[in-house]
Amino acid sequence: MTTRQFRDRTKTVTRRFSWWFLKPCDVVMGVEKAMGLKKGEQIIKLGPIRILNARGEPLNAITQEDVVKEGFPDWTPAEFVRFLVSHYKCQPDKTVNRIEFDYL
């Protein structure tokens, strides 16, 4: 959903309902799509990132600063929450893993 922002390097925070094992200094590979691949499709690597911080928080606790860090500078926190709630079919107060990273 944010491949363009990752490639543009305007995204330095992501929210996931998984990846609870991440810790600072971990290095992982950003990919275009890892789940739901059809037979014959390959994972497209976008580049390595280093985890700076990972913590749980309610989705609707997102700040304007974090909306910008997610790569959506023209959106409000409410717009971003509606976007994720619509995509993931979850409640706005669901706990999400807020992951901050640097590009390598």
Protein backbone atom coordinates (compact mmCIF):
# COMPACT_ATOMS: atom_id res chain seq x y z
CA MET A 1 0.00 0.00 0.00
CA THR A 2 3.00 2.31 0.43
CA THR A 3 5.51 1.09 -2.14
CA ARG A 4 5.83 4.55 -3.71
CA GLN A 5 6.53 6.15 -0.33
CA PHE A 6 9.14 3.49 0.47
CA ARG A 7 10.87 3.96 -2.89
CA ASP A 8 10.77 7.76 -2.48
CA ARG A 9 12.14 7.32 1.05
CA THR A 10 9.42 9.56 2.44
CA LYS A 11 8.27 6.74 4.73
CA THR A 12 10.19 6.14 7.96
CA VAL A 13 7.40 4.64 10.09
CA THR A 14 5.06 1.75 9.35
CA ARG A 15 2.25 0.14 11.26
CA ARG A 16 1.70 -3.61 11.30
CA PHE A 17 -0.61 -5.95 13.15
CA SER A 18 2.31 -8.36 13.41
CA TRP A 19 6.12 -8.36 13.54
CA TRP A 20 6.06 -8.13 17.36
CA PHE A 21 9.50 -9.75 17.52
CA LEU A 22 11.31 -6.73 16.00
CA LYS A 23 13.81 -4.88 18.15
CA PRO A 24 16.15 -1.91 17.60
CA CYS A 25 19.09 -2.63 15.29
CA ASP A 26 17.34 -5.54 13.52
CA VAL A 27 17.81 -5.39 9.75
CA VAL A 28 14.95 -6.56 7.53
CA MET A 29 14.18 -6.35 3.82
CA GLY A 30 11.37 -4.12 2.65
CA VAL A 31 9.33 -5.88 -0.03
CA GLU A 32 6.56 -4.89 -2.40
CA LYS A 33 4.30 -7.76 -1.43
CA ALA A 34 5.06 -10.80 0.69
CA MET A 35 1.63 -12.27 1.36
CA GLY A 36 -1.04 -13.34 -1.09
CA LEU A 37 1.38 -14.08 -3.91
CA LYS A 38 -0.16 -16.06 -6.75
CA LYS A 39 1.54 -19.12 -8.16
CA GLY A 40 4.64 -18.05 -10.07
CA GLU A 41 4.79 -14.55 -8.54
CA GLN A 42 8.07 -13.52 -6.97
CA ILE A 43 8.76 -11.25 -4.02
CA ILE A 44 10.07 -7.87 -5.21
CA LYS A 45 12.71 -6.54 -2.83
CA LEU A 46 12.66 -2.80 -2.18
CA GLY A 47 15.72 -2.54 0.04
CA PRO A 48 17.07 -3.20 3.51
CA ILE A 49 16.01 -1.17 6.53
CA ARG A 50 17.29 -0.98 10.11
CA ILE A 51 14.73 -0.96 12.90
CA LEU A 52 15.07 2.01 15.25
CA ASN A 53 12.06 1.40 17.47
CA ALA A 54 9.03 -0.87 17.65
CA ARG A 55 6.18 -0.54 20.12
CA GLY A 56 2.51 -1.30 20.46
CA GLU A 57 -0.06 1.49 20.49
CA PRO A 58 -3.72 1.96 19.51
CA LEU A 59 -4.10 2.67 15.80
CA ASN A 60 -6.12 5.81 16.52
CA ALA A 61 -3.29 7.23 18.69
CA ILE A 62 -1.39 8.24 15.53
CA THR A 63 -0.16 11.83 15.48
CA GLN A 64 0.06 14.23 12.54
CA GLU A 65 3.85 13.86 12.69
CA ASP A 66 3.52 10.10 12.27
CA VAL A 67 1.05 10.45 9.39
CA VAL A 68 3.83 12.39 7.61
CA LYS A 69 6.40 9.71 8.57
CA GLU A 70 4.03 7.10 7.11
CA GLY A 71 4.36 8.94 3.78
CA PHE A 72 1.04 10.80 3.73
CA PRO A 73 1.89 14.47 4.41
CA ASP A 74 -1.46 15.75 3.12
CA TRP A 75 -3.61 13.43 5.26
CA THR A 76 -4.97 13.97 8.74
CA PRO A 77 -4.66 11.31 11.44
CA ALA A 78 -8.40 10.57 11.06
CA GLU A 79 -8.00 10.03 7.30
CA PHE A 80 -5.07 7.66 7.87
CA VAL A 81 -6.99 5.67 10.50
CA ARG A 82 -10.02 5.38 8.17
CA PHE A 83 -7.69 4.15 5.40
CA LEU A 84 -6.25 1.34 7.55
CA VAL A 85 -9.58 0.46 9.18
CA SER A 86 -11.14 0.13 5.73
CA HIS A 87 -8.26 -1.97 4.36
CA TYR A 88 -7.78 -4.28 7.35
CA LYS A 89 -11.43 -4.37 8.53
CA CYS A 90 -10.39 -3.63 12.11
CA GLN A 91 -11.47 -1.33 14.91
CA PRO A 92 -9.81 2.12 15.18
CA ASP A 93 -8.53 1.34 18.68
CA LYS A 94 -6.89 -1.99 17.72
CA THR A 95 -3.32 -2.27 18.99
CA VAL A 96 -0.82 -1.92 16.17
CA ASN A 97 2.95 -2.34 16.05
CA ARG A 98 4.44 1.10 15.31
CA ILE A 99 7.80 0.43 13.63
CA GLU A 100 10.30 3.23 13.02
CA PHE A 101 13.20 2.56 10.66
CA ASP A 102 16.12 3.96 8.65
CA TYR A 103 17.08 3.03 5.11
CA LEU A 104 20.40 1.26 4.57
